[in-house]
Amino acid sequence: MFQCSDLGEPIISPVEHGNFVLYVENESWQITPVDIQVYIDGRRAVAQAFPFNTWQGMNRFEFLVEEGKHTLRATSSYARDGQSVDFIRSSTPYAVVYFFPDSQPPFFQIFLYASQPTFY
């Protein structure tokens, strides 16, 4: 479901039972919380402050994404360049976004998975 934010920015809303699952994690224990924005095809999917994750569980979001090729982009005020990856929803319905702001410069890592990832 697409709509617009208060700023007129197109957004995609999470759903309860989506076909694309996104996990987001802040890996910084020095900078917490960290603002992280994630976009799917230029539409904001996630925008919130993420505290350091102490392995209590990943932040999970589900979306309805059409078949075909898409672009996933992650940004933050700590890493404005962010990172983008292309994915095909039918072959990689899971994505994990990790943010590492303790490194210089801060950076994102985005991993795509064909099946449910396992977290340790």
PDB file of N, CA and C in Angstrom:
ATOM      1  N   MET A   1       0.843  -1.180   0.000  1.00  0.00           N
ATOM      2  CA  MET A   1       0.000   0.000   0.000  1.00  0.00           C
ATOM      3  C   MET A   1       0.884   1.238   0.000  1.00  0.00           C
ATOM      4  N   PHE A   2       0.679   2.116  -0.971  1.00  0.00           N
ATOM      5  CA  PHE A   2       1.474   3.330  -1.081  1.00  0.00           C
ATOM      6  C   PHE A   2       0.660   4.523  -0.616  1.00  0.00           C
ATOM      7  N   GLN A   3       1.343   5.446   0.053  1.00  0.00           N
ATOM      8  CA  GLN A   3       0.718   6.679   0.489  1.00  0.00           C
ATOM      9  C   GLN A   3       1.795   7.744   0.592  1.00  0.00           C
ATOM     10  N   CYS A   4       1.461   8.928   1.067  1.00  0.00           N
ATOM     11  CA  CYS A   4       2.439  10.005   1.210  1.00  0.00           C
ATOM     12  C   CYS A   4       2.571  10.383   2.679  1.00  0.00           C
ATOM     13  N   SER A   5       3.805  10.739   3.052  1.00  0.00           N
ATOM     14  CA  SER A   5       4.054  11.177   4.427  1.00  0.00           C
ATOM     15  C   SER A   5       3.603  12.624   4.574  1.00  0.00           C
ATOM     16  N   ASP A   6       3.749  13.174   5.778  1.00  0.00           N
ATOM     17  CA  ASP A   6       3.396  14.569   6.026  1.00  0.00           C
ATOM     18  C   ASP A   6       4.229  15.516   5.177  1.00  0.00           C
ATOM     19  N   LEU A   7       5.416  15.080   4.764  1.00  0.00           N
ATOM     20  CA  LEU A   7       6.302  15.909   3.952  1.00  0.00           C
ATOM     21  C   LEU A   7       6.063  15.697   2.458  1.00  0.00           C
ATOM     22  N   GLY A   8       5.076  14.902   2.099  1.00  0.00           N
ATOM     23  CA  GLY A   8       4.798  14.642   0.708  1.00  0.00           C
ATOM     24  C   GLY A   8       5.678  13.557   0.110  1.00  0.00           C
ATOM     25  N   GLU A   9       6.485  12.904   0.941  1.00  0.00           N
ATOM     26  CA  GLU A   9       7.377  11.845   0.488  1.00  0.00           C
ATOM     27  C   GLU A   9       6.589  10.554   0.315  1.00  0.00           C
ATOM     28  N   PRO A  10       6.705   9.882  -0.835  1.00  0.00           N
ATOM     29  CA  PRO A  10       5.976   8.616  -0.990  1.00  0.00           C
ATOM     30  C   PRO A  10       6.503   7.565  -0.020  1.00  0.00           C
ATOM     31  N   ILE A  11       5.600   6.825   0.589  1.00  0.00           N
ATOM     32  CA  ILE A  11       5.990   5.782   1.531  1.00  0.00           C
ATOM     33  C   ILE A  11       5.299   4.473   1.178  1.00  0.00           C
ATOM     34  N   ILE A  12       5.888   3.391   1.636  1.00  0.00           N
ATOM     35  CA  ILE A  12       5.272   2.072   1.534  1.00  0.00           C
ATOM     36  C   ILE A  12       5.070   1.597   2.965  1.00  0.00           C
ATOM     37  N   SER A  13       3.867   1.212   3.290  1.00  0.00           N
ATOM     38  CA  SER A  13       3.537   0.845   4.666  1.00  0.00           C
ATOM     39  C   SER A  13       3.791  -0.632   4.928  1.00  0.00           C
ATOM     40  N   PRO A  14       4.327  -0.956   6.106  1.00  0.00           N
ATOM     41  CA  PRO A  14       4.459  -2.371   6.480  1.00  0.00           C
ATOM     42  C   PRO A  14       3.081  -3.016   6.588  1.00  0.00           C
ATOM     43  N   VAL A  15       3.049  -4.317   6.365  1.00  0.00           N
ATOM     44  CA  VAL A  15       1.807  -5.093   6.484  1.00  0.00           C
ATOM     45  C   VAL A  15       2.067  -6.266   7.427  1.00  0.00           C
ATOM     46  N   GLU A  16       1.003  -6.916   7.843  1.00  0.00           N
ATOM     47  CA  GLU A  16       1.151  -8.024   8.793  1.00  0.00           C
ATOM     48  C   GLU A  16       1.720  -9.286   8.144  1.00  0.00           C
ATOM     49  N   HIS A  17       1.288  -9.596   6.945  1.00  0.00           N
ATOM     50  CA  HIS A  17       1.754 -10.817   6.272  1.00  0.00           C
ATOM     51  C   HIS A  17       2.236 -10.465   4.880  1.00  0.00           C
ATOM     52  N   GLY A  18       3.453  -9.918   4.798  1.00  0.00           N
ATOM     53  CA  GLY A  18       3.992  -9.487   3.517  1.00  0.00           C
ATOM     54  C   GLY A  18       4.735 -10.587   2.783  1.00  0.00           C
ATOM     55  N   ASN A  19       5.148 -10.295   1.564  1.00  0.00           N
ATOM     56  CA  ASN A  19       5.919 -11.237   0.765  1.00  0.00           C
ATOM     57  C   ASN A  19       7.382 -10.843   0.660  1.00  0.00           C
ATOM     58  N   PHE A  20       7.767  -9.737   1.322  1.00  0.00           N
ATOM     59  CA  PHE A  20       9.161  -9.300   1.407  1.00  0.00           C
ATOM     60  C   PHE A  20       9.430  -8.918   2.852  1.00  0.00           C
ATOM     61  N   VAL A  21      10.426  -9.549   3.465  1.00  0.00           N
ATOM     62  CA  VAL A  21      10.739  -9.326   4.878  1.00  0.00           C
ATOM     63  C   VAL A  21      12.078  -8.602   4.987  1.00  0.00           C
ATOM     64  N   LEU A  22      12.077  -7.526   5.741  1.00  0.00           N
ATOM     65  CA  LEU A  22      13.263  -6.691   5.930  1.00  0.00           C
ATOM     66  C   LEU A  22      13.614  -6.662   7.409  1.00  0.00           C
ATOM     67  N   TYR A  23      14.880  -6.920   7.703  1.00  0.00           N
ATOM     68  CA  TYR A  23      15.398  -6.808   9.065  1.00  0.00           C
ATOM     69  C   TYR A  23      16.379  -5.644   9.101  1.00  0.00           C
ATOM     70  N   VAL A  24      16.322  -4.844  10.170  1.00  0.00           N
ATOM     71  CA  VAL A  24      17.217  -3.694  10.312  1.00  0.00           C
ATOM     72  C   VAL A  24      17.868  -3.763  11.677  1.00  0.00           C
ATOM     73  N   GLU A  25      19.188  -3.528  11.711  1.00  0.00           N
ATOM     74  CA  GLU A  25      19.889  -3.572  12.992  1.00  0.00           C
ATOM     75  C   GLU A  25      20.979  -2.510  13.057  1.00  0.00           C
ATOM     76  N   ASN A  26      21.049  -1.834  14.211  1.00  0.00           N
ATOM     77  CA  ASN A  26      22.133  -0.903  14.530  1.00  0.00           C
ATOM     78  C   ASN A  26      23.204  -1.698  15.265  1.00  0.00           C
ATOM     79  N   GLU A  27      24.395  -1.772  14.691  1.00  0.00           N
ATOM     80  CA  GLU A  27      25.492  -2.527  15.288  1.00  0.00           C
ATOM     81  C   GLU A  27      26.398  -1.667  16.166  1.00  0.00           C
ATOM     82  N   SER A  28      26.000  -0.443  16.460  1.00  0.00           N
ATOM     83  CA  SER A  28      26.843   0.456  17.236  1.00  0.00           C
ATOM     84  C   SER A  28      26.455   0.472  18.701  1.00  0.00           C
ATOM     85  N   TRP A  29      27.414   0.212  19.557  1.00  0.00           N
ATOM     86  CA  TRP A  29      27.152   0.370  20.985  1.00  0.00           C
ATOM     87  C   TRP A  29      27.603   1.746  21.448  1.00  0.00           C
ATOM     88  N   GLN A  30      28.351   2.471  20.585  1.00  0.00           N
ATOM     89  CA  GLN A  30      28.815   3.809  20.949  1.00  0.00           C
ATOM     90  C   GLN A  30      27.826   4.905  20.562  1.00  0.00           C
ATOM     91  N   ILE A  31      27.134   4.709  19.434  1.00  0.00           N
ATOM     92  CA  ILE A  31      26.161   5.694  18.978  1.00  0.00           C
ATOM     93  C   ILE A  31      24.798   5.021  18.975  1.00  0.00           C
ATOM     94  N   THR A  32      23.992   5.375  19.948  1.00  0.00           N
ATOM     95  CA  THR A  32      22.668   4.769  20.042  1.00  0.00           C
ATOM     96  C   THR A  32      21.697   5.786  20.616  1.00  0.00           C
ATOM     97  N   PRO A  33      20.568   5.995  20.033  1.00  0.00           N
ATOM     98  CA  PRO A  33      20.077   5.340  18.818  1.00  0.00           C
ATOM     99  C   PRO A  33      20.662   5.977  17.562  1.00  0.00           C
ATOM    100  N   VAL A  34      20.487   5.296  16.429  1.00  0.00           N
ATOM    101  CA  VAL A  34      20.920   5.785  15.128  1.00  0.00           C
ATOM    102  C   VAL A  34      19.695   5.885  14.230  1.00  0.00           C
ATOM    103  N   ASP A  35      19.558   7.025  13.557  1.00  0.00           N
ATOM    104  CA  ASP A  35      18.446   7.182  12.612  1.00  0.00           C
ATOM    105  C   ASP A  35      18.773   6.391  11.345  1.00  0.00           C
ATOM    106  N   ILE A  36      17.850   5.546  10.951  1.00  0.00           N
ATOM    107  CA  ILE A  36      18.029   4.739   9.743  1.00  0.00           C
ATOM    108  C   ILE A  36      16.765   4.856   8.904  1.00  0.00           C
ATOM    109  N   GLN A  37      16.976   5.134   7.611  1.00  0.00           N
ATOM    110  CA  GLN A  37      15.877   5.177   6.663  1.00  0.00           C
ATOM    111  C   GLN A  37      16.148   4.110   5.605  1.00  0.00           C
ATOM    112  N   VAL A  38      15.117   3.351   5.256  1.00  0.00           N
ATOM    113  CA  VAL A  38      15.230   2.336   4.222  1.00  0.00           C
ATOM    114  C   VAL A  38      14.145   2.610   3.189  1.00  0.00           C
ATOM    115  N   TYR A  39      14.541   2.576   1.927  1.00  0.00           N
ATOM    116  CA  TYR A  39      13.641   2.855   0.821  1.00  0.00           C
ATOM    117  C   TYR A  39      13.538   1.635  -0.091  1.00  0.00           C
ATOM    118  N   ILE A  40      12.355   1.382  -0.587  1.00  0.00           N
ATOM    119  CA  ILE A  40      12.126   0.359  -1.606  1.00  0.00           C
ATOM    120  C   ILE A  40      11.638   1.100  -2.842  1.00  0.00           C
ATOM    121  N   ASP A  41      12.435   1.056  -3.895  1.00  0.00           N
ATOM    122  CA  ASP A  41      12.100   1.755  -5.140  1.00  0.00           C
ATOM    123  C   ASP A  41      11.818   3.233  -4.918  1.00  0.00           C
ATOM    124  N   GLY A  42      12.591   3.868  -4.047  1.00  0.00           N
ATOM    125  CA  GLY A  42      12.444   5.297  -3.793  1.00  0.00           C
ATOM    126  C   GLY A  42      11.320   5.674  -2.852  1.00  0.00           C
ATOM    127  N   ARG A  43      10.588   4.690  -2.362  1.00  0.00           N
ATOM    128  CA  ARG A  43       9.506   4.944  -1.405  1.00  0.00           C
ATOM    129  C   ARG A  43       9.978   4.564  -0.007  1.00  0.00           C
ATOM    130  N   ARG A  44       9.810   5.480   0.927  1.00  0.00           N
ATOM    131  CA  ARG A  44      10.292   5.224   2.282  1.00  0.00           C
ATOM    132  C   ARG A  44       9.518   4.075   2.907  1.00  0.00           C
ATOM    133  N   ALA A  45      10.241   3.055   3.358  1.00  0.00           N
ATOM    134  CA  ALA A  45       9.638   1.891   4.010  1.00  0.00           C
ATOM    135  C   ALA A  45       9.868   1.928   5.518  1.00  0.00           C
ATOM    136  N   VAL A  46      11.024   2.409   5.942  1.00  0.00           N
ATOM    137  CA  VAL A  46      11.374   2.470   7.359  1.00  0.00           C
ATOM    138  C   VAL A  46      12.088   3.792   7.618  1.00  0.00           C
ATOM    139  N   ALA A  47      11.721   4.457   8.695  1.00  0.00           N
ATOM    140  CA  ALA A  47      12.401   5.674   9.131  1.00  0.00           C
ATOM    141  C   ALA A  47      12.204   5.793  10.626  1.00  0.00           C
ATOM    142  N   GLN A  48      13.213   5.379  11.370  1.00  0.00           N
ATOM    143  CA  GLN A  48      13.116   5.480  12.821  1.00  0.00           C
ATOM    144  C   GLN A  48      14.503   5.432  13.444  1.00  0.00           C
ATOM    145  N   ALA A  49      14.549   5.701  14.728  1.00  0.00           N
ATOM    146  CA  ALA A  49      15.798   5.638  15.483  1.00  0.00           C
ATOM    147  C   ALA A  49      15.924   4.234  16.059  1.00  0.00           C
ATOM    148  N   PHE A  50      17.053   3.586  15.769  1.00  0.00           N
ATOM    149  CA  PHE A  50      17.284   2.217  16.229  1.00  0.00           C
ATOM    150  C   PHE A  50      18.349   2.218  17.321  1.00  0.00           C
ATOM    151  N   PRO A  51      18.019   1.716  18.502  1.00  0.00           N
ATOM    152  CA  PRO A  51      19.034   1.588  19.553  1.00  0.00           C
ATOM    153  C   PRO A  51      19.978   0.435  19.213  1.00  0.00           C
ATOM    154  N   PHE A  52      21.083   0.375  19.906  1.00  0.00           N
ATOM    155  CA  PHE A  52      22.006  -0.755  19.762  1.00  0.00           C
ATOM    156  C   PHE A  52      21.239  -2.036  20.070  1.00  0.00           C
ATOM    157  N   ASN A  53      21.396  -3.017  19.204  1.00  0.00           N
ATOM    158  CA  ASN A  53      20.698  -4.289  19.379  1.00  0.00           C
ATOM    159  C   ASN A  53      21.581  -5.223  20.183  1.00  0.00           C
ATOM    160  N   THR A  54      21.128  -5.596  21.335  1.00  0.00           N
ATOM    161  CA  THR A  54      21.905  -6.482  22.213  1.00  0.00           C
ATOM    162  C   THR A  54      21.515  -7.943  22.000  1.00  0.00           C
ATOM    163  N   TRP A  55      21.252  -8.302  20.733  1.00  0.00           N
ATOM    164  CA  TRP A  55      20.900  -9.677  20.368  1.00  0.00           C
ATOM    165  C   TRP A  55      19.581 -10.123  20.988  1.00  0.00           C
ATOM    166  N   GLN A  56      18.731  -9.157  21.296  1.00  0.00           N
ATOM    167  CA  GLN A  56      17.398  -9.482  21.796  1.00  0.00           C
ATOM    168  C   GLN A  56      16.456  -9.823  20.648  1.00  0.00           C
ATOM    169  N   GLY A  57      16.883  -9.595  19.438  1.00  0.00           N
ATOM    170  CA  GLY A  57      16.051  -9.854  18.267  1.00  0.00           C
ATOM    171  C   GLY A  57      16.188  -8.738  17.259  1.00  0.00           C
ATOM    172  N   MET A  58      16.073  -9.098  16.018  1.00  0.00           N
ATOM    173  CA  MET A  58      16.178  -8.127  14.941  1.00  0.00           C
ATOM    174  C   MET A  58      14.868  -7.349  14.823  1.00  0.00           C
ATOM    175  N   ASN A  59      14.956  -6.148  14.267  1.00  0.00           N
ATOM    176  CA  ASN A  59      13.785  -5.333  13.979  1.00  0.00           C
ATOM    177  C   ASN A  59      13.229  -5.803  12.641  1.00  0.00           C
ATOM    178  N   ARG A  60      12.042  -6.399  12.662  1.00  0.00           N
ATOM    179  CA  ARG A  60      11.456  -7.039  11.482  1.00  0.00           C
ATOM    180  C   ARG A  60      10.321  -6.200  10.918  1.00  0.00           C
ATOM    181  N   PHE A  61      10.308  -6.070   9.582  1.00  0.00           N
ATOM    182  CA  PHE A  61       9.267  -5.351   8.869  1.00  0.00           C
ATOM    183  C   PHE A  61       8.859  -6.204   7.668  1.00  0.00           C
ATOM    184  N   GLU A  62       7.568  -6.248   7.375  1.00  0.00           N
ATOM    185  CA  GLU A  62       7.072  -6.998   6.222  1.00  0.00           C
ATOM    186  C   GLU A  62       6.336  -6.045   5.287  1.00  0.00           C
ATOM    187  N   PHE A  63       6.518  -6.287   3.983  1.00  0.00           N
ATOM    188  CA  PHE A  63       5.915  -5.435   2.958  1.00  0.00           C
ATOM    189  C   PHE A  63       5.344  -6.294   1.842  1.00  0.00           C
ATOM    190  N   LEU A  64       4.352  -5.754   1.147  1.00  0.00           N
ATOM    191  CA  LEU A  64       3.859  -6.368  -0.083  1.00  0.00           C
ATOM    192  C   LEU A  64       4.607  -5.705  -1.235  1.00  0.00           C
ATOM    193  N   VAL A  65       5.415  -6.494  -1.929  1.00  0.00           N
ATOM    194  CA  VAL A  65       6.240  -5.992  -3.023  1.00  0.00           C
ATOM    195  C   VAL A  65       5.900  -6.797  -4.266  1.00  0.00           C
ATOM    196  N   GLU A  66       5.657  -6.109  -5.361  1.00  0.00           N
ATOM    197  CA  GLU A  66       5.318  -6.777  -6.614  1.00  0.00           C
ATOM    198  C   GLU A  66       6.485  -7.633  -7.103  1.00  0.00           C
ATOM    199  N   GLU A  67       6.167  -8.628  -7.943  1.00  0.00           N
ATOM    200  CA  GLU A  67       7.205  -9.431  -8.581  1.00  0.00           C
ATOM    201  C   GLU A  67       8.108  -8.514  -9.408  1.00  0.00           C
ATOM    202  N   GLY A  68       9.316  -8.971  -9.657  1.00  0.00           N
ATOM    203  CA  GLY A  68      10.214  -8.226 -10.527  1.00  0.00           C
ATOM    204  C   GLY A  68      11.384  -7.619  -9.782  1.00  0.00           C
ATOM    205  N   LYS A  69      12.133  -6.791 -10.496  1.00  0.00           N
ATOM    206  CA  LYS A  69      13.353  -6.170  -9.975  1.00  0.00           C
ATOM    207  C   LYS A  69      13.020  -4.907  -9.182  1.00  0.00           C
ATOM    208  N   HIS A  70      13.697  -4.757  -8.042  1.00  0.00           N
ATOM    209  CA  HIS A  70      13.495  -3.607  -7.164  1.00  0.00           C
ATOM    210  C   HIS A  70      14.842  -3.119  -6.636  1.00  0.00           C
ATOM    211  N   THR A  71      14.830  -1.918  -6.054  1.00  0.00           N
ATOM    212  CA  THR A  71      16.029  -1.355  -5.432  1.00  0.00           C
ATOM    213  C   THR A  71      15.747  -1.092  -3.959  1.00  0.00           C
ATOM    214  N   LEU A  72      16.654  -1.564  -3.118  1.00  0.00           N
ATOM    215  CA  LEU A  72      16.596  -1.334  -1.674  1.00  0.00           C
ATOM    216  C   LEU A  72      17.730  -0.379  -1.334  1.00  0.00           C
ATOM    217  N   ARG A  73      17.416   0.720  -0.639  1.00  0.00           N
ATOM    218  CA  ARG A  73      18.431   1.719  -0.286  1.00  0.00           C
ATOM    219  C   ARG A  73      18.328   2.031   1.195  1.00  0.00           C
ATOM    220  N   ALA A  74      19.478   2.079   1.879  1.00  0.00           N
ATOM    221  CA  ALA A  74      19.542   2.426   3.299  1.00  0.00           C
ATOM    222  C   ALA A  74      20.393   3.682   3.467  1.00  0.00           C
ATOM    223  N   THR A  75      19.917   4.623   4.296  1.00  0.00           N
ATOM    224  CA  THR A  75      20.647   5.852   4.570  1.00  0.00           C
ATOM    225  C   THR A  75      20.525   6.209   6.041  1.00  0.00           C
ATOM    226  N   SER A  76      21.355   7.156   6.455  1.00  0.00           N
ATOM    227  CA  SER A  76      21.324   7.681   7.816  1.00  0.00           C
ATOM    228  C   SER A  76      22.035   9.025   7.812  1.00  0.00           C
ATOM    229  N   SER A  77      21.774   9.855   8.807  1.00  0.00           N
ATOM    230  CA  SER A  77      22.512  11.108   8.911  1.00  0.00           C
ATOM    231  C   SER A  77      23.992  10.836   9.201  1.00  0.00           C
ATOM    232  N   TYR A  78      24.303   9.639   9.690  1.00  0.00           N
ATOM    233  CA  TYR A  78      25.690   9.251   9.957  1.00  0.00           C
ATOM    234  C   TYR A  78      26.394   8.708   8.723  1.00  0.00           C
ATOM    235  N   ALA A  79      25.642   8.287   7.726  1.00  0.00           N
ATOM    236  CA  ALA A  79      26.212   7.742   6.490  1.00  0.00           C
ATOM    237  C   ALA A  79      25.299   8.143   5.337  1.00  0.00           C
ATOM    238  N   ARG A  80      25.389   9.399   4.945  1.00  0.00           N
ATOM    239  CA  ARG A  80      24.460   9.954   3.954  1.00  0.00           C
ATOM    240  C   ARG A  80      24.530   9.245   2.599  1.00  0.00           C
ATOM    241  N   ASP A  81      25.703   8.745   2.215  1.00  0.00           N
ATOM    242  CA  ASP A  81      25.808   8.039   0.935  1.00  0.00           C
ATOM    243  C   ASP A  81      25.025   6.734   0.975  1.00  0.00           C
ATOM    244  N   GLY A  82      24.943   6.127   2.139  1.00  0.00           N
ATOM    245  CA  GLY A  82      24.178   4.904   2.308  1.00  0.00           C
ATOM    246  C   GLY A  82      24.669   3.778   1.421  1.00  0.00           C
ATOM    247  N   GLN A  83      23.779   2.847   1.172  1.00  0.00           N
ATOM    248  CA  GLN A  83      24.070   1.729   0.280  1.00  0.00           C
ATOM    249  C   GLN A  83      22.789   1.336  -0.429  1.00  0.00           C
ATOM    250  N   SER A  84      22.930   0.933  -1.680  1.00  0.00           N
ATOM    251  CA  SER A  84      21.794   0.455  -2.475  1.00  0.00           C
ATOM    252  C   SER A  84      22.125  -0.900  -3.061  1.00  0.00           C
ATOM    253  N   VAL A  85      21.118  -1.745  -3.146  1.00  0.00           N
ATOM    254  CA  VAL A  85      21.255  -3.036  -3.820  1.00  0.00           C
ATOM    255  C   VAL A  85      19.978  -3.283  -4.617  1.00  0.00           C
ATOM    256  N   ASP A  86      20.137  -3.956  -5.746  1.00  0.00           N
ATOM    257  CA  ASP A  86      18.983  -4.381  -6.526  1.00  0.00           C
ATOM    258  C   ASP A  86      18.643  -5.810  -6.142  1.00  0.00           C
ATOM    259  N   PHE A  87      17.358  -6.131  -6.185  1.00  0.00           N
ATOM    260  CA  PHE A  87      16.935  -7.493  -5.867  1.00  0.00           C
ATOM    261  C   PHE A  87      15.722  -7.856  -6.696  1.00  0.00           C
ATOM    262  N   ILE A  88      15.535  -9.145  -6.869  1.00  0.00           N
ATOM    263  CA  ILE A  88      14.333  -9.665  -7.522  1.00  0.00           C
ATOM    264  C   ILE A  88      13.516 -10.344  -6.433  1.00  0.00           C
ATOM    265  N   ARG A  89      12.322  -9.830  -6.195  1.00  0.00           N
ATOM    266  CA  ARG A  89      11.529 -10.260  -5.041  1.00  0.00           C
ATOM    267  C   ARG A  89      11.276 -11.758  -5.008  1.00  0.00           C
ATOM    268  N   SER A  90      11.038 -12.378  -6.139  1.00  0.00           N
ATOM    269  CA  SER A  90      10.716 -13.807  -6.129  1.00  0.00           C
ATOM    270  C   SER A  90      11.908 -14.674  -5.733  1.00  0.00           C
ATOM    271  N   SER A  91      13.136 -14.227  -6.014  1.00  0.00           N
ATOM    272  CA  SER A  91      14.312 -15.040  -5.676  1.00  0.00           C
ATOM    273  C   SER A  91      14.980 -14.618  -4.373  1.00  0.00           C
ATOM    274  N   THR A  92      14.747 -13.412  -3.908  1.00  0.00           N
ATOM    275  CA  THR A  92      15.336 -12.949  -2.640  1.00  0.00           C
ATOM    276  C   THR A  92      14.278 -12.187  -1.828  1.00  0.00           C
ATOM    277  N   PRO A  93      13.359 -12.913  -1.183  1.00  0.00           N
ATOM    278  CA  PRO A  93      12.294 -12.248  -0.438  1.00  0.00           C
ATOM    279  C   PRO A  93      12.682 -11.794   0.975  1.00  0.00           C
ATOM    280  N   TYR A  94      13.968 -11.915   1.323  1.00  0.00           N
ATOM    281  CA  TYR A  94      14.442 -11.479   2.647  1.00  0.00           C
ATOM    282  C   TYR A  94      15.656 -10.581   2.479  1.00  0.00           C
ATOM    283  N   ALA A  95      15.714  -9.526   3.298  1.00  0.00           N
ATOM    284  CA  ALA A  95      16.874  -8.636   3.295  1.00  0.00           C
ATOM    285  C   ALA A  95      17.216  -8.262   4.732  1.00  0.00           C
ATOM    286  N   VAL A  96      18.517  -8.101   4.978  1.00  0.00           N
ATOM    287  CA  VAL A  96      18.993  -7.667   6.287  1.00  0.00           C
ATOM    288  C   VAL A  96      19.881  -6.446   6.080  1.00  0.00           C
ATOM    289  N   VAL A  97      19.568  -5.373   6.809  1.00  0.00           N
ATOM    290  CA  VAL A  97      20.344  -4.139   6.756  1.00  0.00           C
ATOM    291  C   VAL A  97      21.059  -3.989   8.086  1.00  0.00           C
ATOM    292  N   TYR A  98      22.393  -3.980   8.041  1.00  0.00           N
ATOM    293  CA  TYR A  98      23.210  -3.733   9.227  1.00  0.00           C
ATOM    294  C   TYR A  98      23.849  -2.354   9.084  1.00  0.00           C
ATOM    295  N   PHE A  99      23.889  -1.606  10.186  1.00  0.00           N
ATOM    296  CA  PHE A  99      24.534  -0.298  10.185  1.00  0.00           C
ATOM    297  C   PHE A  99      25.708  -0.319  11.147  1.00  0.00           C
ATOM    298  N   PHE A 100      26.887   0.102  10.658  1.00  0.00           N
ATOM    299  CA  PHE A 100      28.114   0.101  11.439  1.00  0.00           C
ATOM    300  C   PHE A 100      28.656   1.525  11.553  1.00  0.00           C
ATOM    301  N   PRO A 101      28.126   2.352  12.478  1.00  0.00           N
ATOM    302  CA  PRO A 101      28.591   3.733  12.578  1.00  0.00           C
ATOM    303  C   PRO A 101      29.891   3.897  13.348  1.00  0.00           C
ATOM    304  N   ASP A 102      30.397   2.854  13.997  1.00  0.00           N
ATOM    305  CA  ASP A 102      31.639   2.984  14.753  1.00  0.00           C
ATOM    306  C   ASP A 102      32.861   2.964  13.841  1.00  0.00           C
ATOM    307  N   SER A 103      32.695   2.524  12.604  1.00  0.00           N
ATOM    308  CA  SER A 103      33.780   2.520  11.638  1.00  0.00           C
ATOM    309  C   SER A 103      33.905   3.900  11.017  1.00  0.00           C
ATOM    310  N   GLN A 104      35.055   4.189  10.466  1.00  0.00           N
ATOM    311  CA  GLN A 104      35.254   5.470   9.795  1.00  0.00           C
ATOM    312  C   GLN A 104      35.573   5.234   8.347  1.00  0.00           C
ATOM    313  N   PRO A 105      34.750   5.642   7.420  1.00  0.00           N
ATOM    314  CA  PRO A 105      33.453   6.269   7.686  1.00  0.00           C
ATOM    315  C   PRO A 105      32.397   5.227   8.032  1.00  0.00           C
ATOM    316  N   PRO A 106      31.308   5.652   8.659  1.00  0.00           N
ATOM    317  CA  PRO A 106      30.217   4.719   8.951  1.00  0.00           C
ATOM    318  C   PRO A 106      29.680   4.112   7.656  1.00  0.00           C
ATOM    319  N   PHE A 107      29.154   2.900   7.738  1.00  0.00           N
ATOM    320  CA  PHE A 107      28.675   2.254   6.523  1.00  0.00           C
ATOM    321  C   PHE A 107      27.547   1.274   6.817  1.00  0.00           C
ATOM    322  N   PHE A 108      26.850   0.899   5.735  1.00  0.00           N
ATOM    323  CA  PHE A 108      25.807  -0.115   5.769  1.00  0.00           C
ATOM    324  C   PHE A 108      26.304  -1.379   5.091  1.00  0.00           C
ATOM    325  N   GLN A 109      25.766  -2.509   5.499  1.00  0.00           N
ATOM    326  CA  GLN A 109      25.884  -3.758   4.760  1.00  0.00           C
ATOM    327  C   GLN A 109      24.472  -4.278   4.578  1.00  0.00           C
ATOM    328  N   ILE A 110      24.142  -4.644   3.342  1.00  0.00           N
ATOM    329  CA  ILE A 110      22.823  -5.186   3.033  1.00  0.00           C
ATOM    330  C   ILE A 110      23.015  -6.572   2.450  1.00  0.00           C
ATOM    331  N   PHE A 111      22.336  -7.539   3.034  1.00  0.00           N
ATOM    332  CA  PHE A 111      22.404  -8.920   2.573  1.00  0.00           C
ATOM    333  C   PHE A 111      21.017  -9.346   2.104  1.00  0.00           C
ATOM    334  N   LEU A 112      20.987 -10.077   0.999  1.00  0.00           N
ATOM    335  CA  LEU A 112      19.742 -10.600   0.441  1.00  0.00           C
ATOM    336  C   LEU A 112      19.735 -12.110   0.593  1.00  0.00           C
ATOM    337  N   TYR A 113      18.564 -12.673   0.888  1.00  0.00           N
ATOM    338  CA  TYR A 113      18.448 -14.115   1.145  1.00  0.00           C
ATOM    339  C   TYR A 113      17.251 -14.706   0.397  1.00  0.00           C
ATOM    340  N   ALA A 114      17.425 -15.942  -0.046  1.00  0.00           N
ATOM    341  CA  ALA A 114      16.338 -16.659  -0.694  1.00  0.00           C
ATOM    342  C   ALA A 114      15.410 -17.310   0.338  1.00  0.00           C
ATOM    343  N   SER A 115      15.922 -17.540   1.558  1.00  0.00           N
ATOM    344  CA  SER A 115      15.112 -18.132   2.618  1.00  0.00           C
ATOM    345  C   SER A 115      15.346 -17.358   3.916  1.00  0.00           C
ATOM    346  N   GLN A 116      14.515 -17.656   4.898  1.00  0.00           N
ATOM    347  CA  GLN A 116      14.580 -16.973   6.192  1.00  0.00           C
ATOM    348  C   GLN A 116      16.008 -17.031   6.760  1.00  0.00           C
ATOM    349  N   PRO A 117      16.653 -15.882   6.993  1.00  0.00           N
ATOM    350  CA  PRO A 117      18.006 -15.912   7.568  1.00  0.00           C
ATOM    351  C   PRO A 117      17.971 -16.344   9.039  1.00  0.00           C
ATOM    352  N   THR A 118      19.083 -16.885   9.480  1.00  0.00           N
ATOM    353  CA  THR A 118      19.236 -17.290  10.874  1.00  0.00           C
ATOM    354  C   THR A 118      20.166 -16.297  11.546  1.00  0.00           C
ATOM    355  N   PHE A 119      19.798 -15.849  12.724  1.00  0.00           N
ATOM    356  CA  PHE A 119      20.607 -14.883  13.470  1.00  0.00           C
ATOM    357  C   PHE A 119      21.154 -15.550  14.722  1.00  0.00           C
ATOM    358  N   TYR A 120      22.407 -15.275  14.991  1.00  0.00           N
ATOM    359  CA  TYR A 120      23.064 -15.858  16.163  1.00  0.00           C
ATOM    360  C   TYR A 120      23.369 -14.809  17.188  1.00  0.00           C
TER     361      TYR A 120
END
